[in-house]
């Protein structure tokens, strides 16, 4: 069963790794066979190797300036829902996301699903 403290730790570690160069440490937060969906309708990225490739393509690098705040909405069994606000300082882009996480007993994410919303944009 997942606990709020595990979710808080996972979100904090996700942000830390997103801001860290390289992808060698993804196994600290994701299972080897994790699925990662960038929207509810997107095909999943599957496995650590594919996830590393995805992260490398999506991030601007460790110097990317953004703020991230998160609020845990619900935790039920292995499932957590987190509301995330992200603002990119250089572009002014803002996102409000819902993250649906499936965490195992060790706090590793086996399934990540993002519901992204931005002012004036539709989720893809």
PDB file of N, CA and C in Angstrom:
ATOM      1  N   UNK A   1       0.832  -1.177   0.000  1.00  0.00           N
ATOM      2  CA  UNK A   1       0.000   0.000   0.000  1.00  0.00           C
ATOM      3  C   UNK A   1       0.884   1.251   0.000  1.00  0.00           C
ATOM      4  N   UNK A   2       0.534   2.182  -0.833  1.00  0.00           N
ATOM      5  CA  UNK A   2       1.273   3.435  -0.957  1.00  0.00           C
ATOM      6  C   UNK A   2       0.826   4.412   0.127  1.00  0.00           C
ATOM      7  N   UNK A   3       1.779   5.147   0.673  1.00  0.00           N
ATOM      8  CA  UNK A   3       1.498   6.155   1.691  1.00  0.00           C
ATOM      9  C   UNK A   3       1.844   7.534   1.143  1.00  0.00           C
ATOM     10  N   UNK A   4       1.220   8.555   1.701  1.00  0.00           N
ATOM     11  CA  UNK A   4       1.439   9.931   1.252  1.00  0.00           C
ATOM     12  C   UNK A   4       2.919  10.300   1.281  1.00  0.00           C
ATOM     13  N   UNK A   5       3.646   9.857   2.294  1.00  0.00           N
ATOM     14  CA  UNK A   5       5.066  10.205   2.370  1.00  0.00           C
ATOM     15  C   UNK A   5       5.836   9.601   1.202  1.00  0.00           C
ATOM     16  N   UNK A   6       5.460   8.409   0.747  1.00  0.00           N
ATOM     17  CA  UNK A   6       6.102   7.820  -0.429  1.00  0.00           C
ATOM     18  C   UNK A   6       5.831   8.662  -1.669  1.00  0.00           C
ATOM     19  N   UNK A   7       4.607   9.152  -1.794  1.00  0.00           N
ATOM     20  CA  UNK A   7       4.240   9.980  -2.949  1.00  0.00           C
ATOM     21  C   UNK A   7       5.007  11.301  -2.900  1.00  0.00           C
ATOM     22  N   UNK A   8       5.069  11.930  -1.735  1.00  0.00           N
ATOM     23  CA  UNK A   8       5.830  13.171  -1.592  1.00  0.00           C
ATOM     24  C   UNK A   8       7.288  12.964  -1.983  1.00  0.00           C
ATOM     25  N   UNK A   9       7.874  11.884  -1.506  1.00  0.00           N
ATOM     26  CA  UNK A   9       9.269  11.565  -1.833  1.00  0.00           C
ATOM     27  C   UNK A   9       9.420  11.336  -3.329  1.00  0.00           C
ATOM     28  N   UNK A  10       8.490  10.588  -3.924  1.00  0.00           N
ATOM     29  CA  UNK A  10       8.580  10.284  -5.345  1.00  0.00           C
ATOM     30  C   UNK A  10       8.522  11.569  -6.178  1.00  0.00           C
ATOM     31  N   UNK A  11       7.586  12.451  -5.868  1.00  0.00           N
ATOM     32  CA  UNK A  11       7.460  13.706  -6.628  1.00  0.00           C
ATOM     33  C   UNK A  11       8.726  14.547  -6.473  1.00  0.00           C
ATOM     34  N   UNK A  12       9.239  14.640  -5.273  1.00  0.00           N
ATOM     35  CA  UNK A  12      10.477  15.403  -5.032  1.00  0.00           C
ATOM     36  C   UNK A  12      11.639  14.793  -5.832  1.00  0.00           C
ATOM     37  N   UNK A  13      11.745  13.458  -5.837  1.00  0.00           N
ATOM     38  CA  UNK A  13      12.818  12.803  -6.583  1.00  0.00           C
ATOM     39  C   UNK A  13      12.635  12.951  -8.093  1.00  0.00           C
ATOM     40  N   UNK A  14      11.396  12.929  -8.565  1.00  0.00           N
ATOM     41  CA  UNK A  14      11.112  13.140  -9.986  1.00  0.00           C
ATOM     42  C   UNK A  14      11.636  14.512 -10.414  1.00  0.00           C
ATOM     43  N   UNK A  15      11.282  15.540  -9.649  1.00  0.00           N
ATOM     44  CA  UNK A  15      11.753  16.893  -9.996  1.00  0.00           C
ATOM     45  C   UNK A  15      13.280  16.959  -9.961  1.00  0.00           C
ATOM     46  N   UNK A  16      13.880  16.372  -8.936  1.00  0.00           N
ATOM     47  CA  UNK A  16      15.347  16.386  -8.815  1.00  0.00           C
ATOM     48  C   UNK A  16      15.982  15.717 -10.032  1.00  0.00           C
ATOM     49  N   UNK A  17      15.453  14.569 -10.441  1.00  0.00           N
ATOM     50  CA  UNK A  17      16.040  13.868 -11.590  1.00  0.00           C
ATOM     51  C   UNK A  17      15.770  14.602 -12.902  1.00  0.00           C
ATOM     52  N   UNK A  18      14.617  15.246 -13.021  1.00  0.00           N
ATOM     53  CA  UNK A  18      14.330  16.027 -14.228  1.00  0.00           C
ATOM     54  C   UNK A  18      15.351  17.162 -14.360  1.00  0.00           C
ATOM     55  N   UNK A  19      15.789  17.719 -13.235  1.00  0.00           N
ATOM     56  CA  UNK A  19      16.748  18.826 -13.230  1.00  0.00           C
ATOM     57  C   UNK A  19      18.200  18.347 -13.285  1.00  0.00           C
ATOM     58  N   UNK A  20      18.420  17.038 -13.258  1.00  0.00           N
ATOM     59  CA  UNK A  20      19.761  16.468 -13.249  1.00  0.00           C
ATOM     60  C   UNK A  20      20.150  16.028 -14.653  1.00  0.00           C
ATOM     61  N   UNK A  21      21.361  16.337 -15.063  1.00  0.00           N
ATOM     62  CA  UNK A  21      21.833  15.884 -16.378  1.00  0.00           C
ATOM     63  C   UNK A  21      21.891  14.361 -16.407  1.00  0.00           C
ATOM     64  N   UNK A  22      21.579  13.803 -17.561  1.00  0.00           N
ATOM     65  CA  UNK A  22      21.641  12.359 -17.725  1.00  0.00           C
ATOM     66  C   UNK A  22      20.384  11.662 -17.219  1.00  0.00           C
ATOM     67  N   UNK A  23      20.331  10.367 -17.477  1.00  0.00           N
ATOM     68  CA  UNK A  23      19.153   9.584 -17.099  1.00  0.00           C
ATOM     69  C   UNK A  23      19.539   8.298 -16.377  1.00  0.00           C
ATOM     70  N   UNK A  24      20.767   8.205 -15.923  1.00  0.00           N
ATOM     71  CA  UNK A  24      21.247   6.979 -15.290  1.00  0.00           C
ATOM     72  C   UNK A  24      20.492   6.616 -14.018  1.00  0.00           C
ATOM     73  N   UNK A  25      19.875   7.593 -13.373  1.00  0.00           N
ATOM     74  CA  UNK A  25      19.236   7.341 -12.086  1.00  0.00           C
ATOM     75  C   UNK A  25      17.725   7.123 -12.172  1.00  0.00           C
ATOM     76  N   UNK A  26      17.179   6.967 -13.368  1.00  0.00           N
ATOM     77  CA  UNK A  26      15.739   6.759 -13.491  1.00  0.00           C
ATOM     78  C   UNK A  26      15.257   5.526 -12.731  1.00  0.00           C
ATOM     79  N   UNK A  27      16.116   4.519 -12.570  1.00  0.00           N
ATOM     80  CA  UNK A  27      15.746   3.317 -11.824  1.00  0.00           C
ATOM     81  C   UNK A  27      15.538   3.615 -10.338  1.00  0.00           C
ATOM     82  N   UNK A  28      15.911   4.807  -9.886  1.00  0.00           N
ATOM     83  CA  UNK A  28      15.646   5.204  -8.500  1.00  0.00           C
ATOM     84  C   UNK A  28      14.168   5.527  -8.276  1.00  0.00           C
ATOM     85  N   UNK A  29      13.439   5.845  -9.380  1.00  0.00           N
ATOM     86  CA  UNK A  29      12.033   6.225  -9.219  1.00  0.00           C
ATOM     87  C   UNK A  29      11.070   5.408 -10.078  1.00  0.00           C
ATOM     88  N   UNK A  30      11.580   4.709 -11.095  1.00  0.00           N
ATOM     89  CA  UNK A  30      10.719   3.912 -11.977  1.00  0.00           C
ATOM     90  C   UNK A  30      11.130   2.446 -11.952  1.00  0.00           C
ATOM     91  N   UNK A  31      10.146   1.557 -12.103  1.00  0.00           N
ATOM     92  CA  UNK A  31      10.447   0.134 -12.255  1.00  0.00           C
ATOM     93  C   UNK A  31      11.034  -0.105 -13.643  1.00  0.00           C
ATOM     94  N   UNK A  32      11.673  -1.229 -13.829  1.00  0.00           N
ATOM     95  CA  UNK A  32      12.314  -1.552 -15.109  1.00  0.00           C
ATOM     96  C   UNK A  32      11.315  -1.589 -16.257  1.00  0.00           C
ATOM     97  N   UNK A  33      10.077  -1.985 -15.974  1.00  0.00           N
ATOM     98  CA  UNK A  33       9.054  -2.110 -17.019  1.00  0.00           C
ATOM     99  C   UNK A  33       7.998  -1.010 -16.935  1.00  0.00           C
ATOM    100  N   UNK A  34       8.341   0.112 -16.342  1.00  0.00           N
ATOM    101  CA  UNK A  34       7.383   1.203 -16.140  1.00  0.00           C
ATOM    102  C   UNK A  34       6.785   1.671 -17.457  1.00  0.00           C
ATOM    103  N   UNK A  35       5.528   2.113 -17.373  1.00  0.00           N
ATOM    104  CA  UNK A  35       4.873   2.774 -18.499  1.00  0.00           C
ATOM    105  C   UNK A  35       4.722   4.252 -18.154  1.00  0.00           C
ATOM    106  N   UNK A  36       4.833   5.107 -19.185  1.00  0.00           N
ATOM    107  CA  UNK A  36       4.814   6.556 -18.992  1.00  0.00           C
ATOM    108  C   UNK A  36       3.987   7.139 -20.123  1.00  0.00           C
ATOM    109  N   UNK A  37       2.850   7.738 -19.770  1.00  0.00           N
ATOM    110  CA  UNK A  37       1.964   8.338 -20.769  1.00  0.00           C
ATOM    111  C   UNK A  37       1.936   9.845 -20.569  1.00  0.00           C
ATOM    112  N   UNK A  38       2.152  10.595 -21.642  1.00  0.00           N
ATOM    113  CA  UNK A  38       2.170  12.056 -21.569  1.00  0.00           C
ATOM    114  C   UNK A  38       0.774  12.657 -21.659  1.00  0.00           C
ATOM    115  N   UNK A  39      -0.212  11.842 -21.911  1.00  0.00           N
ATOM    116  CA  UNK A  39      -1.616  12.233 -21.838  1.00  0.00           C
ATOM    117  C   UNK A  39      -2.416  10.934 -21.735  1.00  0.00           C
ATOM    118  N   UNK A  40      -3.670  11.037 -21.355  1.00  0.00           N
ATOM    119  CA  UNK A  40      -4.463   9.809 -21.224  1.00  0.00           C
ATOM    120  C   UNK A  40      -4.601   9.044 -22.537  1.00  0.00           C
ATOM    121  N   UNK A  41      -4.424   9.736 -23.667  1.00  0.00           N
ATOM    122  CA  UNK A  41      -4.623   9.107 -24.967  1.00  0.00           C
ATOM    123  C   UNK A  41      -3.322   8.779 -25.689  1.00  0.00           C
ATOM    124  N   UNK A  42      -2.216   9.172 -25.130  1.00  0.00           N
ATOM    125  CA  UNK A  42      -0.923   8.937 -25.782  1.00  0.00           C
ATOM    126  C   UNK A  42      -0.517   7.470 -25.623  1.00  0.00           C
ATOM    127  N   UNK A  43       0.165   6.937 -26.622  1.00  0.00           N
ATOM    128  CA  UNK A  43       0.721   5.593 -26.429  1.00  0.00           C
ATOM    129  C   UNK A  43       1.796   5.652 -25.343  1.00  0.00           C
ATOM    130  N   UNK A  44       1.895   4.630 -24.531  1.00  0.00           N
ATOM    131  CA  UNK A  44       2.869   4.689 -23.440  1.00  0.00           C
ATOM    132  C   UNK A  44       4.296   4.501 -23.921  1.00  0.00           C
ATOM    133  N   UNK A  45       5.205   5.178 -23.239  1.00  0.00           N
ATOM    134  CA  UNK A  45       6.626   4.880 -23.327  1.00  0.00           C
ATOM    135  C   UNK A  45       6.822   3.724 -22.342  1.00  0.00           C
ATOM    136  N   UNK A  46       7.495   2.648 -22.773  1.00  0.00           N
ATOM    137  CA  UNK A  46       7.577   1.446 -21.938  1.00  0.00           C
ATOM    138  C   UNK A  46       9.030   1.075 -21.668  1.00  0.00           C
ATOM    139  N   UNK A  47       9.369   0.939 -20.386  1.00  0.00           N
ATOM    140  CA  UNK A  47      10.697   0.492 -19.977  1.00  0.00           C
ATOM    141  C   UNK A  47      11.670   1.632 -19.772  1.00  0.00           C
ATOM    142  N   UNK A  48      12.689   1.353 -18.963  1.00  0.00           N
ATOM    143  CA  UNK A  48      13.663   2.390 -18.604  1.00  0.00           C
ATOM    144  C   UNK A  48      14.446   2.933 -19.792  1.00  0.00           C
ATOM    145  N   UNK A  49      14.832   2.070 -20.729  1.00  0.00           N
ATOM    146  CA  UNK A  49      15.610   2.552 -21.884  1.00  0.00           C
ATOM    147  C   UNK A  49      14.792   3.534 -22.717  1.00  0.00           C
ATOM    148  N   UNK A  50      13.543   3.200 -22.984  1.00  0.00           N
ATOM    149  CA  UNK A  50      12.672   4.089 -23.762  1.00  0.00           C
ATOM    150  C   UNK A  50      12.375   5.360 -22.975  1.00  0.00           C
ATOM    151  N   UNK A  51      12.207   5.228 -21.674  1.00  0.00           N
ATOM    152  CA  UNK A  51      11.951   6.393 -20.841  1.00  0.00           C
ATOM    153  C   UNK A  51      13.157   7.330 -20.816  1.00  0.00           C
ATOM    154  N   UNK A  52      14.352   6.777 -20.750  1.00  0.00           N
ATOM    155  CA  UNK A  52      15.564   7.595 -20.784  1.00  0.00           C
ATOM    156  C   UNK A  52      15.651   8.369 -22.096  1.00  0.00           C
ATOM    157  N   UNK A  53      15.357   7.707 -23.193  1.00  0.00           N
ATOM    158  CA  UNK A  53      15.374   8.362 -24.503  1.00  0.00           C
ATOM    159  C   UNK A  53      14.342   9.488 -24.554  1.00  0.00           C
ATOM    160  N   UNK A  54      13.154   9.219 -24.030  1.00  0.00           N
ATOM    161  CA  UNK A  54      12.089  10.225 -23.985  1.00  0.00           C
ATOM    162  C   UNK A  54      12.519  11.445 -23.156  1.00  0.00           C
ATOM    163  N   UNK A  55      13.045  11.194 -21.951  1.00  0.00           N
ATOM    164  CA  UNK A  55      13.477  12.306 -21.094  1.00  0.00           C
ATOM    165  C   UNK A  55      14.548  13.136 -21.770  1.00  0.00           C
ATOM    166  N   UNK A  56      15.519  12.489 -22.405  1.00  0.00           N
ATOM    167  CA  UNK A  56      16.576  13.228 -23.098  1.00  0.00           C
ATOM    168  C   UNK A  56      16.007  14.119 -24.194  1.00  0.00           C
ATOM    169  N   UNK A  57      14.973  13.649 -24.882  1.00  0.00           N
ATOM    170  CA  UNK A  57      14.378  14.415 -25.975  1.00  0.00           C
ATOM    171  C   UNK A  57      13.504  15.563 -25.464  1.00  0.00           C
ATOM    172  N   UNK A  58      12.882  15.400 -24.311  1.00  0.00           N
ATOM    173  CA  UNK A  58      11.915  16.380 -23.817  1.00  0.00           C
ATOM    174  C   UNK A  58      12.507  17.487 -22.949  1.00  0.00           C
ATOM    175  N   UNK A  59      13.600  17.214 -22.292  1.00  0.00           N
ATOM    176  CA  UNK A  59      14.163  18.214 -21.374  1.00  0.00           C
ATOM    177  C   UNK A  59      15.097  19.162 -22.103  1.00  0.00           C
ATOM    178  N   UNK A  60      15.122  20.409 -21.631  1.00  0.00           N
ATOM    179  CA  UNK A  60      16.076  21.378 -22.171  1.00  0.00           C
ATOM    180  C   UNK A  60      17.435  21.236 -21.504  1.00  0.00           C
ATOM    181  N   UNK A  61      17.492  20.547 -20.387  1.00  0.00           N
ATOM    182  CA  UNK A  61      18.755  20.357 -19.680  1.00  0.00           C
ATOM    183  C   UNK A  61      18.632  20.781 -18.239  1.00  0.00           C
ATOM    184  N   UNK A  62      19.677  20.527 -17.472  1.00  0.00           N
ATOM    185  CA  UNK A  62      19.618  20.818 -16.040  1.00  0.00           C
ATOM    186  C   UNK A  62      19.520  22.308 -15.715  1.00  0.00           C
ATOM    187  N   UNK A  63      19.820  23.173 -16.665  1.00  0.00           N
ATOM    188  CA  UNK A  63      19.744  24.611 -16.415  1.00  0.00           C
ATOM    189  C   UNK A  63      18.375  25.200 -16.768  1.00  0.00           C
ATOM    190  N   UNK A  64      17.451  24.355 -17.232  1.00  0.00           N
ATOM    191  CA  UNK A  64      16.110  24.820 -17.563  1.00  0.00           C
ATOM    192  C   UNK A  64      15.471  25.419 -16.302  1.00  0.00           C
ATOM    193  N   UNK A  65      14.995  26.651 -16.420  1.00  0.00           N
ATOM    194  CA  UNK A  65      14.446  27.320 -15.254  1.00  0.00           C
ATOM    195  C   UNK A  65      12.929  27.162 -15.222  1.00  0.00           C
ATOM    196  N   UNK A  66      12.446  26.532 -14.161  1.00  0.00           N
ATOM    197  CA  UNK A  66      11.015  26.364 -13.966  1.00  0.00           C
ATOM    198  C   UNK A  66      10.735  26.181 -12.483  1.00  0.00           C
ATOM    199  N   UNK A  67       9.496  26.463 -12.127  1.00  0.00           N
ATOM    200  CA  UNK A  67       9.040  26.160 -10.778  1.00  0.00           C
ATOM    201  C   UNK A  67       8.045  25.022 -10.877  1.00  0.00           C
ATOM    202  N   UNK A  68       8.040  24.181  -9.869  1.00  0.00           N
ATOM    203  CA  UNK A  68       7.109  23.064  -9.810  1.00  0.00           C
ATOM    204  C   UNK A  68       6.558  22.989  -8.396  1.00  0.00           C
ATOM    205  N   UNK A  69       5.253  23.005  -8.299  1.00  0.00           N
ATOM    206  CA  UNK A  69       4.605  22.765  -7.017  1.00  0.00           C
ATOM    207  C   UNK A  69       3.653  21.604  -7.197  1.00  0.00           C
ATOM    208  N   UNK A  70       3.489  20.833  -6.145  1.00  0.00           N
ATOM    209  CA  UNK A  70       2.647  19.648  -6.230  1.00  0.00           C
ATOM    210  C   UNK A  70       1.792  19.525  -4.982  1.00  0.00           C
ATOM    211  N   UNK A  71       0.589  19.022  -5.188  1.00  0.00           N
ATOM    212  CA  UNK A  71      -0.338  18.761  -4.092  1.00  0.00           C
ATOM    213  C   UNK A  71      -0.916  17.369  -4.292  1.00  0.00           C
ATOM    214  N   UNK A  72      -0.761  16.522  -3.302  1.00  0.00           N
ATOM    215  CA  UNK A  72      -1.335  15.182  -3.375  1.00  0.00           C
ATOM    216  C   UNK A  72      -2.840  15.303  -3.182  1.00  0.00           C
ATOM    217  N   UNK A  73      -3.589  14.784  -4.136  1.00  0.00           N
ATOM    218  CA  UNK A  73      -5.046  14.844  -4.091  1.00  0.00           C
ATOM    219  C   UNK A  73      -5.617  13.594  -3.437  1.00  0.00           C
ATOM    220  N   UNK A  74      -5.070  12.432  -3.800  1.00  0.00           N
ATOM    221  CA  UNK A  74      -5.610  11.184  -3.265  1.00  0.00           C
ATOM    222  C   UNK A  74      -4.548  10.097  -3.309  1.00  0.00           C
ATOM    223  N   UNK A  75      -4.640   9.192  -2.354  1.00  0.00           N
ATOM    224  CA  UNK A  75      -3.832   7.974  -2.339  1.00  0.00           C
ATOM    225  C   UNK A  75      -4.786   6.840  -1.977  1.00  0.00           C
ATOM    226  N   UNK A  76      -4.849   5.841  -2.840  1.00  0.00           N
ATOM    227  CA  UNK A  76      -5.735   4.705  -2.609  1.00  0.00           C
ATOM    228  C   UNK A  76      -5.024   3.441  -3.061  1.00  0.00           C
ATOM    229  N   UNK A  77      -4.634   2.598  -2.124  1.00  0.00           N
ATOM    230  CA  UNK A  77      -3.856   1.412  -2.474  1.00  0.00           C
ATOM    231  C   UNK A  77      -2.556   1.849  -3.113  1.00  0.00           C
ATOM    232  N   UNK A  78      -2.225   1.300  -4.283  1.00  0.00           N
ATOM    233  CA  UNK A  78      -0.976   1.683  -4.950  1.00  0.00           C
ATOM    234  C   UNK A  78      -1.093   2.948  -5.810  1.00  0.00           C
ATOM    235  N   UNK A  79      -2.303   3.512  -5.903  1.00  0.00           N
ATOM    236  CA  UNK A  79      -2.568   4.623  -6.817  1.00  0.00           C
ATOM    237  C   UNK A  79      -2.555   5.955  -6.090  1.00  0.00           C
ATOM    238  N   UNK A  80      -1.897   6.942  -6.711  1.00  0.00           N
ATOM    239  CA  UNK A  80      -1.886   8.302  -6.179  1.00  0.00           C
ATOM    240  C   UNK A  80      -2.241   9.270  -7.299  1.00  0.00           C
ATOM    241  N   UNK A  81      -2.917  10.338  -6.932  1.00  0.00           N
ATOM    242  CA  UNK A  81      -3.241  11.419  -7.857  1.00  0.00           C
ATOM    243  C   UNK A  81      -2.616  12.689  -7.293  1.00  0.00           C
ATOM    244  N   UNK A  82      -1.856  13.378  -8.138  1.00  0.00           N
ATOM    245  CA  UNK A  82      -1.123  14.573  -7.709  1.00  0.00           C
ATOM    246  C   UNK A  82      -1.443  15.712  -8.672  1.00  0.00           C
ATOM    247  N   UNK A  83      -1.796  16.877  -8.125  1.00  0.00           N
ATOM    248  CA  UNK A  83      -1.969  18.079  -8.946  1.00  0.00           C
ATOM    249  C   UNK A  83      -0.628  18.791  -8.982  1.00  0.00           C
ATOM    250  N   UNK A  84      -0.152  19.086 -10.188  1.00  0.00           N
ATOM    251  CA  UNK A  84       1.174  19.679 -10.376  1.00  0.00           C
ATOM    252  C   UNK A  84       1.032  20.973 -11.165  1.00  0.00           C
ATOM    253  N   UNK A  85       1.667  22.022 -10.669  1.00  0.00           N
ATOM    254  CA  UNK A  85       1.736  23.293 -11.393  1.00  0.00           C
ATOM    255  C   UNK A  85       3.180  23.523 -11.797  1.00  0.00           C
ATOM    256  N   UNK A  86       3.382  23.806 -13.083  1.00  0.00           N
ATOM    257  CA  UNK A  86       4.723  24.056 -13.597  1.00  0.00           C
ATOM    258  C   UNK A  86       4.693  25.375 -14.360  1.00  0.00           C
ATOM    259  N   UNK A  87       5.680  26.224 -14.081  1.00  0.00           N
ATOM    260  CA  UNK A  87       5.825  27.465 -14.824  1.00  0.00           C
ATOM    261  C   UNK A  87       7.262  27.569 -15.302  1.00  0.00           C
ATOM    262  N   UNK A  88       7.413  27.719 -16.623  1.00  0.00           N
ATOM    263  CA  UNK A  88       8.734  27.868 -17.229  1.00  0.00           C
ATOM    264  C   UNK A  88       9.075  29.352 -17.248  1.00  0.00           C
ATOM    265  N   UNK A  89      10.153  29.707 -16.573  1.00  0.00           N
ATOM    266  CA  UNK A  89      10.461  31.113 -16.344  1.00  0.00           C
ATOM    267  C   UNK A  89      10.863  31.839 -17.619  1.00  0.00           C
ATOM    268  N   UNK A  90      11.582  31.179 -18.504  1.00  0.00           N
ATOM    269  CA  UNK A  90      12.047  31.847 -19.726  1.00  0.00           C
ATOM    270  C   UNK A  90      10.899  32.137 -20.688  1.00  0.00           C
ATOM    271  N   UNK A  91      10.008  31.172 -20.888  1.00  0.00           N
ATOM    272  CA  UNK A  91       8.931  31.324 -21.868  1.00  0.00           C
ATOM    273  C   UNK A  91       7.626  31.821 -21.267  1.00  0.00           C
ATOM    274  N   UNK A  92       7.467  31.663 -19.952  1.00  0.00           N
ATOM    275  CA  UNK A  92       6.209  32.020 -19.317  1.00  0.00           C
ATOM    276  C   UNK A  92       5.128  30.956 -19.478  1.00  0.00           C
ATOM    277  N   UNK A  93       5.472  29.849 -20.125  1.00  0.00           N
ATOM    278  CA  UNK A  93       4.500  28.762 -20.277  1.00  0.00           C
ATOM    279  C   UNK A  93       4.096  28.235 -18.908  1.00  0.00           C
ATOM    280  N   UNK A  94       2.793  27.973 -18.753  1.00  0.00           N
ATOM    281  CA  UNK A  94       2.272  27.436 -17.499  1.00  0.00           C
ATOM    282  C   UNK A  94       1.478  26.172 -17.798  1.00  0.00           C
ATOM    283  N   UNK A  95       1.611  25.214 -16.913  1.00  0.00           N
ATOM    284  CA  UNK A  95       0.882  23.955 -17.026  1.00  0.00           C
ATOM    285  C   UNK A  95       0.292  23.588 -15.685  1.00  0.00           C
ATOM    286  N   UNK A  96      -0.900  23.089 -15.702  1.00  0.00           N
ATOM    287  CA  UNK A  96      -1.491  22.452 -14.524  1.00  0.00           C
ATOM    288  C   UNK A  96      -1.793  21.027 -14.962  1.00  0.00           C
ATOM    289  N   UNK A  97      -1.163  20.100 -14.298  1.00  0.00           N
ATOM    290  CA  UNK A  97      -1.281  18.690 -14.649  1.00  0.00           C
ATOM    291  C   UNK A  97      -1.901  17.907 -13.509  1.00  0.00           C
ATOM    292  N   UNK A  98      -2.500  16.806 -13.875  1.00  0.00           N
ATOM    293  CA  UNK A  98      -2.802  15.761 -12.915  1.00  0.00           C
ATOM    294  C   UNK A  98      -1.909  14.591 -13.268  1.00  0.00           C
ATOM    295  N   UNK A  99      -1.231  14.069 -12.287  1.00  0.00           N
ATOM    296  CA  UNK A  99      -0.422  12.878 -12.464  1.00  0.00           C
ATOM    297  C   UNK A  99      -1.121  11.736 -11.750  1.00  0.00           C
ATOM    298  N   UNK A 100      -1.293  10.637 -12.452  1.00  0.00           N
ATOM    299  CA  UNK A 100      -1.816   9.419 -11.845  1.00  0.00           C
ATOM    300  C   UNK A 100      -0.649   8.450 -11.792  1.00  0.00           C
ATOM    301  N   UNK A 101      -0.298   8.054 -10.591  1.00  0.00           N
ATOM    302  CA  UNK A 101       0.881   7.218 -10.355  1.00  0.00           C
ATOM    303  C   UNK A 101       0.468   5.875  -9.771  1.00  0.00           C
ATOM    304  N   UNK A 102       1.136   4.831 -10.197  1.00  0.00           N
ATOM    305  CA  UNK A 102       1.026   3.519  -9.558  1.00  0.00           C
ATOM    306  C   UNK A 102       2.397   3.238  -8.958  1.00  0.00           C
ATOM    307  N   UNK A 103       2.464   3.170  -7.625  1.00  0.00           N
ATOM    308  CA  UNK A 103       3.734   2.935  -6.946  1.00  0.00           C
ATOM    309  C   UNK A 103       3.750   1.541  -6.335  1.00  0.00           C
ATOM    310  N   UNK A 104       4.910   0.890  -6.425  1.00  0.00           N
ATOM    311  CA  UNK A 104       5.039  -0.430  -5.809  1.00  0.00           C
ATOM    312  C   UNK A 104       5.398  -0.277  -4.328  1.00  0.00           C
ATOM    313  N   UNK A 105       5.595  -1.389  -3.651  1.00  0.00           N
ATOM    314  CA  UNK A 105       5.880  -1.361  -2.216  1.00  0.00           C
ATOM    315  C   UNK A 105       7.188  -0.664  -1.869  1.00  0.00           C
ATOM    316  N   UNK A 106       8.066  -0.498  -2.854  1.00  0.00           N
ATOM    317  CA  UNK A 106       9.353   0.170  -2.633  1.00  0.00           C
ATOM    318  C   UNK A 106       9.312   1.647  -3.031  1.00  0.00           C
ATOM    319  N   UNK A 107       8.132   2.129  -3.433  1.00  0.00           N
ATOM    320  CA  UNK A 107       7.995   3.527  -3.829  1.00  0.00           C
ATOM    321  C   UNK A 107       8.413   3.811  -5.254  1.00  0.00           C
ATOM    322  N   UNK A 108       8.621   2.750  -6.059  1.00  0.00           N
ATOM    323  CA  UNK A 108       8.953   2.935  -7.476  1.00  0.00           C
ATOM    324  C   UNK A 108       7.677   3.006  -8.296  1.00  0.00           C
ATOM    325  N   UNK A 109       7.698   3.834  -9.308  1.00  0.00           N
ATOM    326  CA  UNK A 109       6.530   4.023 -10.161  1.00  0.00           C
ATOM    327  C   UNK A 109       6.516   2.985 -11.275  1.00  0.00           C
ATOM    328  N   UNK A 110       5.425   2.236 -11.362  1.00  0.00           N
ATOM    329  CA  UNK A 110       5.270   1.256 -12.441  1.00  0.00           C
ATOM    330  C   UNK A 110       4.398   1.797 -13.564  1.00  0.00           C
ATOM    331  N   UNK A 111       3.605   2.836 -13.271  1.00  0.00           N
ATOM    332  CA  UNK A 111       2.762   3.458 -14.297  1.00  0.00           C
ATOM    333  C   UNK A 111       2.596   4.937 -13.966  1.00  0.00           C
ATOM    334  N   UNK A 112       2.882   5.773 -14.960  1.00  0.00           N
ATOM    335  CA  UNK A 112       2.766   7.229 -14.837  1.00  0.00           C
ATOM    336  C   UNK A 112       1.847   7.680 -15.955  1.00  0.00           C
ATOM    337  N   UNK A 113       0.806   8.431 -15.603  1.00  0.00           N
ATOM    338  CA  UNK A 113      -0.108   8.972 -16.612  1.00  0.00           C
ATOM    339  C   UNK A 113      -0.327  10.446 -16.302  1.00  0.00           C
ATOM    340  N   UNK A 114      -0.082  11.285 -17.295  1.00  0.00           N
ATOM    341  CA  UNK A 114      -0.183  12.735 -17.120  1.00  0.00           C
ATOM    342  C   UNK A 114      -1.431  13.246 -17.839  1.00  0.00           C
ATOM    343  N   UNK A 115      -2.142  14.143 -17.179  1.00  0.00           N
ATOM    344  CA  UNK A 115      -3.265  14.854 -17.781  1.00  0.00           C
ATOM    345  C   UNK A 115      -2.867  16.337 -17.813  1.00  0.00           C
ATOM    346  N   UNK A 116      -2.217  16.788 -18.910  1.00  0.00           N
ATOM    347  CA  UNK A 116      -1.689  18.155 -18.956  1.00  0.00           C
ATOM    348  C   UNK A 116      -2.719  19.176 -19.455  1.00  0.00           C
ATOM    349  N   UNK A 117      -2.734  20.314 -18.799  1.00  0.00           N
ATOM    350  CA  UNK A 117      -3.615  21.410 -19.212  1.00  0.00           C
ATOM    351  C   UNK A 117      -2.819  22.711 -19.137  1.00  0.00           C
ATOM    352  N   UNK A 118      -3.016  23.563 -20.146  1.00  0.00           N
ATOM    353  CA  UNK A 118      -2.334  24.858 -20.171  1.00  0.00           C
ATOM    354  C   UNK A 118      -3.323  25.899 -20.663  1.00  0.00           C
ATOM    355  N   UNK A 119      -3.187  27.136 -20.201  1.00  0.00           N
ATOM    356  CA  UNK A 119      -4.084  28.189 -20.674  1.00  0.00           C
ATOM    357  C   UNK A 119      -4.014  28.308 -22.191  1.00  0.00           C
ATOM    358  N   UNK A 120      -5.155  28.256 -22.829  1.00  0.00           N
ATOM    359  CA  UNK A 120      -5.217  28.429 -24.283  1.00  0.00           C
ATOM    360  C   UNK A 120      -4.783  27.224 -25.087  1.00  0.00           C
ATOM    361  N   UNK A 121      -4.512  26.101 -24.427  1.00  0.00           N
ATOM    362  CA  UNK A 121      -4.093  24.887 -25.135  1.00  0.00           C
ATOM    363  C   UNK A 121      -4.989  23.738 -24.732  1.00  0.00           C
ATOM    364  N   UNK A 122      -5.056  22.776 -25.617  1.00  0.00           N
ATOM    365  CA  UNK A 122      -5.770  21.544 -25.298  1.00  0.00           C
ATOM    366  C   UNK A 122      -4.752  20.452 -25.076  1.00  0.00           C
ATOM    367  N   UNK A 123      -5.060  19.533 -24.172  1.00  0.00           N
ATOM    368  CA  UNK A 123      -4.170  18.392 -23.944  1.00  0.00           C
ATOM    369  C   UNK A 123      -4.094  17.565 -25.214  1.00  0.00           C
ATOM    370  N   UNK A 124      -2.913  17.039 -25.480  1.00  0.00           N
ATOM    371  CA  UNK A 124      -2.711  16.236 -26.683  1.00  0.00           C
ATOM    372  C   UNK A 124      -2.831  14.773 -26.355  1.00  0.00           C
TER     373      UNK A 124
END
